[in-house]
Amino acid sequence: TVGPDGGVIAAQAEVMWGQVRIASQV
């Protein structure tokens, strides 16, 4: 139970991947 659960990790990944995808598109 220590640390973020799967939902928090997935949310962090969504934010990160959204930025990476925009940069790759450019």
PDB file of all heavy atoms in Angstrom:
ATOM      1  N   THR A   1       0.824  -1.209   0.000  1.00  0.00           N
ATOM      2  CA  THR A   1       0.000   0.000   0.000  1.00  0.00           C
ATOM      3  C   THR A   1       0.860   1.263   0.000  1.00  0.00           C
ATOM      4  O   THR A   1       0.332   2.364   0.058  1.00  0.00           O
ATOM      5  CB  THR A   1      -0.912   0.020   1.240  1.00  0.00           C
ATOM      6  OG1 THR A   1      -0.104  -0.037   2.414  1.00  0.00           O
ATOM      7  CG2 THR A   1      -1.875  -1.161   1.214  1.00  0.00           C
ATOM      8  N   VAL A   2       2.178   1.089  -0.012  1.00  0.00           N
ATOM      9  CA  VAL A   2       3.082   2.228  -0.001  1.00  0.00           C
ATOM     10  C   VAL A   2       3.217   2.771  -1.416  1.00  0.00           C
ATOM     11  O   VAL A   2       3.373   2.008  -2.375  1.00  0.00           O
ATOM     12  CB  VAL A   2       4.470   1.831   0.544  1.00  0.00           C
ATOM     13  CG1 VAL A   2       5.414   3.030   0.522  1.00  0.00           C
ATOM     14  CG2 VAL A   2       4.327   1.278   1.949  1.00  0.00           C
ATOM     15  N   GLY A   3       3.140   4.107  -1.550  1.00  0.00           N
ATOM     16  CA  GLY A   3       3.322   4.715  -2.861  1.00  0.00           C
ATOM     17  C   GLY A   3       2.022   4.787  -3.648  1.00  0.00           C
ATOM     18  O   GLY A   3       0.959   4.323  -3.201  1.00  0.00           O
ATOM     19  N   PRO A   4       2.062   5.386  -4.826  1.00  0.00           N
ATOM     20  CA  PRO A   4       0.850   5.585  -5.629  1.00  0.00           C
ATOM     21  C   PRO A   4       0.305   4.264  -6.161  1.00  0.00           C
ATOM     22  O   PRO A   4       1.047   3.315  -6.395  1.00  0.00           O
ATOM     23  CB  PRO A   4       1.345   6.487  -6.769  1.00  0.00           C
ATOM     24  CG  PRO A   4       2.812   6.206  -6.880  1.00  0.00           C
ATOM     25  CD  PRO A   4       3.259   5.923  -5.486  1.00  0.00           C
ATOM     26  N   ASP A   5      -1.015   4.230  -6.341  1.00  0.00           N
ATOM     27  CA  ASP A   5      -1.622   3.025  -6.896  1.00  0.00           C
ATOM     28  C   ASP A   5      -1.595   3.090  -8.426  1.00  0.00           C
ATOM     29  O   ASP A   5      -1.074   4.026  -9.024  1.00  0.00           O
ATOM     30  CB  ASP A   5      -3.048   2.850  -6.378  1.00  0.00           C
ATOM     31  CG  ASP A   5      -3.945   4.033  -6.729  1.00  0.00           C
ATOM     32  OD1 ASP A   5      -3.558   4.851  -7.595  1.00  0.00           O
ATOM     33  OD2 ASP A   5      -5.025   4.152  -6.126  1.00  0.00           O
ATOM     34  N   GLY A   6      -2.178   2.068  -9.054  1.00  0.00           N
ATOM     35  CA  GLY A   6      -2.151   2.002 -10.507  1.00  0.00           C
ATOM     36  C   GLY A   6      -2.846   3.159 -11.182  1.00  0.00           C
ATOM     37  O   GLY A   6      -2.416   3.630 -12.242  1.00  0.00           O
ATOM     38  N   GLY A   7      -3.935   3.663 -10.554  1.00  0.00           N
ATOM     39  CA  GLY A   7      -4.651   4.779 -11.163  1.00  0.00           C
ATOM     40  C   GLY A   7      -3.823   6.051 -11.193  1.00  0.00           C
ATOM     41  O   GLY A   7      -3.816   6.795 -12.193  1.00  0.00           O
ATOM     42  N   VAL A   8      -3.097   6.320 -10.101  1.00  0.00           N
ATOM     43  CA  VAL A   8      -2.242   7.516 -10.059  1.00  0.00           C
ATOM     44  C   VAL A   8      -1.109   7.389 -11.062  1.00  0.00           C
ATOM     45  O   VAL A   8      -0.775   8.340 -11.787  1.00  0.00           O
ATOM     46  CB  VAL A   8      -1.695   7.720  -8.631  1.00  0.00           C
ATOM     47  CG1 VAL A   8      -0.690   8.864  -8.608  1.00  0.00           C
ATOM     48  CG2 VAL A   8      -2.836   7.975  -7.658  1.00  0.00           C
ATOM     49  N   ILE A   9      -0.505   6.214 -11.147  1.00  0.00           N
ATOM     50  CA  ILE A   9       0.586   5.998 -12.109  1.00  0.00           C
ATOM     51  C   ILE A   9       0.074   6.163 -13.541  1.00  0.00           C
ATOM     52  O   ILE A   9       0.733   6.775 -14.386  1.00  0.00           O
ATOM     53  CB  ILE A   9       1.199   4.603 -11.898  1.00  0.00           C
ATOM     54  CG1 ILE A   9       1.946   4.570 -10.573  1.00  0.00           C
ATOM     55  CG2 ILE A   9       2.117   4.234 -13.049  1.00  0.00           C
ATOM     56  CD1 ILE A   9       2.505   3.216 -10.218  1.00  0.00           C
ATOM     57  N   ALA A  10      -1.112   5.632 -13.819  1.00  0.00           N
ATOM     58  CA  ALA A  10      -1.678   5.771 -15.154  1.00  0.00           C
ATOM     59  C   ALA A  10      -1.939   7.235 -15.498  1.00  0.00           C
ATOM     60  O   ALA A  10      -1.719   7.671 -16.633  1.00  0.00           O
ATOM     61  CB  ALA A  10      -2.973   4.961 -15.263  1.00  0.00           C
ATOM     62  N   ALA A  11      -2.400   8.009 -14.517  1.00  0.00           N
ATOM     63  CA  ALA A  11      -2.648   9.428 -14.750  1.00  0.00           C
ATOM     64  C   ALA A  11      -1.349  10.173 -15.038  1.00  0.00           C
ATOM     65  O   ALA A  11      -1.281  11.031 -15.934  1.00  0.00           O
ATOM     66  CB  ALA A  11      -3.355  10.043 -13.550  1.00  0.00           C
ATOM     67  N   GLN A  12      -0.287   9.865 -14.286  1.00  0.00           N
ATOM     68  CA  GLN A  12       1.017  10.467 -14.536  1.00  0.00           C
ATOM     69  C   GLN A  12       1.514  10.120 -15.945  1.00  0.00           C
ATOM     70  O   GLN A  12       2.059  10.975 -16.661  1.00  0.00           O
ATOM     71  CB  GLN A  12       2.029   9.990 -13.486  1.00  0.00           C
ATOM     72  CG  GLN A  12       1.746  10.478 -12.072  1.00  0.00           C
ATOM     73  CD  GLN A  12       2.733   9.913 -11.071  1.00  0.00           C
ATOM     74  OE1 GLN A  12       3.547   9.056 -11.399  1.00  0.00           O
ATOM     75  NE2 GLN A  12       2.656  10.373  -9.834  1.00  0.00           N
ATOM     76  N   ALA A  13       1.313   8.867 -16.326  1.00  0.00           N
ATOM     77  CA  ALA A  13       1.755   8.435 -17.656  1.00  0.00           C
ATOM     78  C   ALA A  13       0.969   9.147 -18.748  1.00  0.00           C
ATOM     79  O   ALA A  13       1.532   9.515 -19.798  1.00  0.00           O
ATOM     80  CB  ALA A  13       1.600   6.923 -17.789  1.00  0.00           C
ATOM     81  N   GLU A  14      -0.331   9.362 -18.549  1.00  0.00           N
ATOM     82  CA  GLU A  14      -1.147  10.056 -19.549  1.00  0.00           C
ATOM     83  C   GLU A  14      -0.639  11.481 -19.783  1.00  0.00           C
ATOM     84  O   GLU A  14      -0.542  11.941 -20.922  1.00  0.00           O
ATOM     85  CB  GLU A  14      -2.612  10.083 -19.091  1.00  0.00           C
ATOM     86  CG  GLU A  14      -3.355   8.770 -19.217  1.00  0.00           C
ATOM     87  CD  GLU A  14      -3.740   8.452 -20.658  1.00  0.00           C
ATOM     88  OE1 GLU A  14      -3.559   9.325 -21.535  1.00  0.00           O
ATOM     89  OE2 GLU A  14      -4.214   7.327 -20.894  1.00  0.00           O
ATOM     90  N   VAL A  15      -0.340  12.182 -18.687  1.00  0.00           N
ATOM     91  CA  VAL A  15       0.158  13.549 -18.814  1.00  0.00           C
ATOM     92  C   VAL A  15       1.492  13.566 -19.550  1.00  0.00           C
ATOM     93  O   VAL A  15       1.723  14.364 -20.467  1.00  0.00           O
ATOM     94  CB  VAL A  15       0.292  14.203 -17.429  1.00  0.00           C
ATOM     95  CG1 VAL A  15       0.966  15.564 -17.532  1.00  0.00           C
ATOM     96  CG2 VAL A  15      -1.077  14.336 -16.768  1.00  0.00           C
ATOM     97  N   MET A  16       2.372  12.660 -19.159  1.00  0.00           N
ATOM     98  CA  MET A  16       3.696  12.592 -19.781  1.00  0.00           C
ATOM     99  C   MET A  16       3.583  12.250 -21.261  1.00  0.00           C
ATOM    100  O   MET A  16       4.197  12.897 -22.125  1.00  0.00           O
ATOM    101  CB  MET A  16       4.533  11.540 -19.054  1.00  0.00           C
ATOM    102  CG  MET A  16       5.929  11.345 -19.618  1.00  0.00           C
ATOM    103  SD  MET A  16       6.974  12.771 -19.286  1.00  0.00           S
ATOM    104  CE  MET A  16       8.533  12.156 -19.923  1.00  0.00           C
ATOM    105  N   TRP A  17       2.799  11.238 -21.582  1.00  0.00           N
ATOM    106  CA  TRP A  17       2.691  10.791 -22.966  1.00  0.00           C
ATOM    107  C   TRP A  17       2.022  11.844 -23.842  1.00  0.00           C
ATOM    108  O   TRP A  17       2.368  11.992 -25.025  1.00  0.00           O
ATOM    109  CB  TRP A  17       1.925   9.473 -23.042  1.00  0.00           C
ATOM    110  CG  TRP A  17       1.644   9.029 -24.446  1.00  0.00           C
ATOM    111  CD1 TRP A  17       0.437   8.762 -25.005  1.00  0.00           C
ATOM    112  CD2 TRP A  17       2.605   8.814 -25.484  1.00  0.00           C
ATOM    113  NE1 TRP A  17       0.578   8.391 -26.310  1.00  0.00           N
ATOM    114  CE2 TRP A  17       1.912   8.416 -26.638  1.00  0.00           C
ATOM    115  CE3 TRP A  17       3.995   8.920 -25.550  1.00  0.00           C
ATOM    116  CZ2 TRP A  17       2.541   8.123 -27.839  1.00  0.00           C
ATOM    117  CZ3 TRP A  17       4.632   8.634 -26.746  1.00  0.00           C
ATOM    118  CH2 TRP A  17       3.910   8.244 -27.869  1.00  0.00           C
ATOM    119  N   GLY A  18       1.088  12.606 -23.290  1.00  0.00           N
ATOM    120  CA  GLY A  18       0.471  13.677 -24.071  1.00  0.00           C
ATOM    121  C   GLY A  18       1.490  14.708 -24.521  1.00  0.00           C
ATOM    122  O   GLY A  18       1.475  15.158 -25.685  1.00  0.00           O
ATOM    123  N   GLN A  19       2.414  15.067 -23.639  1.00  0.00           N
ATOM    124  CA  GLN A  19       3.452  16.026 -24.006  1.00  0.00           C
ATOM    125  C   GLN A  19       4.423  15.429 -25.031  1.00  0.00           C
ATOM    126  O   GLN A  19       4.821  16.099 -25.995  1.00  0.00           O
ATOM    127  CB  GLN A  19       4.219  16.455 -22.763  1.00  0.00           C
ATOM    128  CG  GLN A  19       3.365  17.123 -21.698  1.00  0.00           C
ATOM    129  CD  GLN A  19       4.169  17.440 -20.448  1.00  0.00           C
ATOM    130  OE1 GLN A  19       5.332  17.802 -20.520  1.00  0.00           O
ATOM    131  NE2 GLN A  19       3.546  17.296 -19.294  1.00  0.00           N
ATOM    132  N   VAL A  20       4.806  14.172 -24.817  1.00  0.00           N
ATOM    133  CA  VAL A  20       5.765  13.526 -25.719  1.00  0.00           C
ATOM    134  C   VAL A  20       5.173  13.389 -27.118  1.00  0.00           C
ATOM    135  O   VAL A  20       5.845  13.633 -28.128  1.00  0.00           O
ATOM    136  CB  VAL A  20       6.165  12.146 -25.162  1.00  0.00           C
ATOM    137  CG1 VAL A  20       7.022  11.388 -26.171  1.00  0.00           C
ATOM    138  CG2 VAL A  20       6.912  12.301 -23.852  1.00  0.00           C
ATOM    139  N   ARG A  21       3.900  13.021 -27.197  1.00  0.00           N
ATOM    140  CA  ARG A  21       3.277  12.813 -28.500  1.00  0.00           C
ATOM    141  C   ARG A  21       3.198  14.117 -29.288  1.00  0.00           C
ATOM    142  O   ARG A  21       3.422  14.135 -30.503  1.00  0.00           O
ATOM    143  CB  ARG A  21       1.868  12.228 -28.322  1.00  0.00           C
ATOM    144  CG  ARG A  21       1.249  11.755 -29.625  1.00  0.00           C
ATOM    145  CD  ARG A  21      -0.162  11.225 -29.400  1.00  0.00           C
ATOM    146  NE  ARG A  21      -0.704  10.639 -30.613  1.00  0.00           N
ATOM    147  CZ  ARG A  21      -1.207  11.328 -31.627  1.00  0.00           C
ATOM    148  NH1 ARG A  21      -1.247  12.658 -31.554  1.00  0.00           N
ATOM    149  NH2 ARG A  21      -1.664  10.724 -32.704  1.00  0.00           N
ATOM    150  N   ILE A  22       2.875  15.226 -28.613  1.00  0.00           N
ATOM    151  CA  ILE A  22       2.816  16.522 -29.294  1.00  0.00           C
ATOM    152  C   ILE A  22       4.198  16.893 -29.835  1.00  0.00           C
ATOM    153  O   ILE A  22       4.343  17.342 -30.982  1.00  0.00           O
ATOM    154  CB  ILE A  22       2.282  17.603 -28.348  1.00  0.00           C
ATOM    155  CG1 ILE A  22       0.810  17.340 -28.023  1.00  0.00           C
ATOM    156  CG2 ILE A  22       2.457  18.996 -28.954  1.00  0.00           C
ATOM    157  CD1 ILE A  22       0.238  18.284 -26.976  1.00  0.00           C
ATOM    158  N   ALA A  23       5.240  16.681 -29.010  1.00  0.00           N
ATOM    159  CA  ALA A  23       6.599  16.993 -29.462  1.00  0.00           C
ATOM    160  C   ALA A  23       6.994  16.125 -30.646  1.00  0.00           C
ATOM    161  O   ALA A  23       7.629  16.607 -31.602  1.00  0.00           O
ATOM    162  CB  ALA A  23       7.585  16.794 -28.304  1.00  0.00           C
ATOM    163  N   SER A  24       6.615  14.859 -30.634  1.00  0.00           N
ATOM    164  CA  SER A  24       6.939  13.968 -31.750  1.00  0.00           C
ATOM    165  C   SER A  24       6.193  14.388 -33.013  1.00  0.00           C
ATOM    166  O   SER A  24       6.739  14.325 -34.120  1.00  0.00           O
ATOM    167  CB  SER A  24       6.597  12.524 -31.391  1.00  0.00           C
ATOM    168  OG  SER A  24       7.369  12.073 -30.293  1.00  0.00           O
ATOM    169  N   GLN A  25       4.941  14.822 -32.872  1.00  0.00           N
ATOM    170  CA  GLN A  25       4.176  15.290 -34.021  1.00  0.00           C
ATOM    171  C   GLN A  25       4.838  16.512 -34.656  1.00  0.00           C
ATOM    172  O   GLN A  25       4.962  16.610 -35.884  1.00  0.00           O
ATOM    173  CB  GLN A  25       2.753  15.626 -33.598  1.00  0.00           C
ATOM    174  CG  GLN A  25       1.866  16.189 -34.713  1.00  0.00           C
ATOM    175  CD  GLN A  25       1.526  15.150 -35.751  1.00  0.00           C
ATOM    176  OE1 GLN A  25       0.718  14.268 -35.487  1.00  0.00           O
ATOM    177  NE2 GLN A  25       2.128  15.243 -36.926  1.00  0.00           N
ATOM    178  N   VAL A  26       5.269  17.454 -33.820  1.00  0.00           N
ATOM    179  CA  VAL A  26       5.952  18.647 -34.336  1.00  0.00           C
ATOM    180  C   VAL A  26       7.248  18.254 -35.049  1.00  0.00           C
ATOM    181  O   VAL A  26       7.580  18.793 -36.117  1.00  0.00           O
ATOM    182  CB  VAL A  26       6.243  19.631 -33.182  1.00  0.00           C
ATOM    183  CG1 VAL A  26       7.100  20.800 -33.676  1.00  0.00           C
ATOM    184  CG2 VAL A  26       4.940  20.162 -32.600  1.00  0.00           C
TER     185      VAL A  26
END
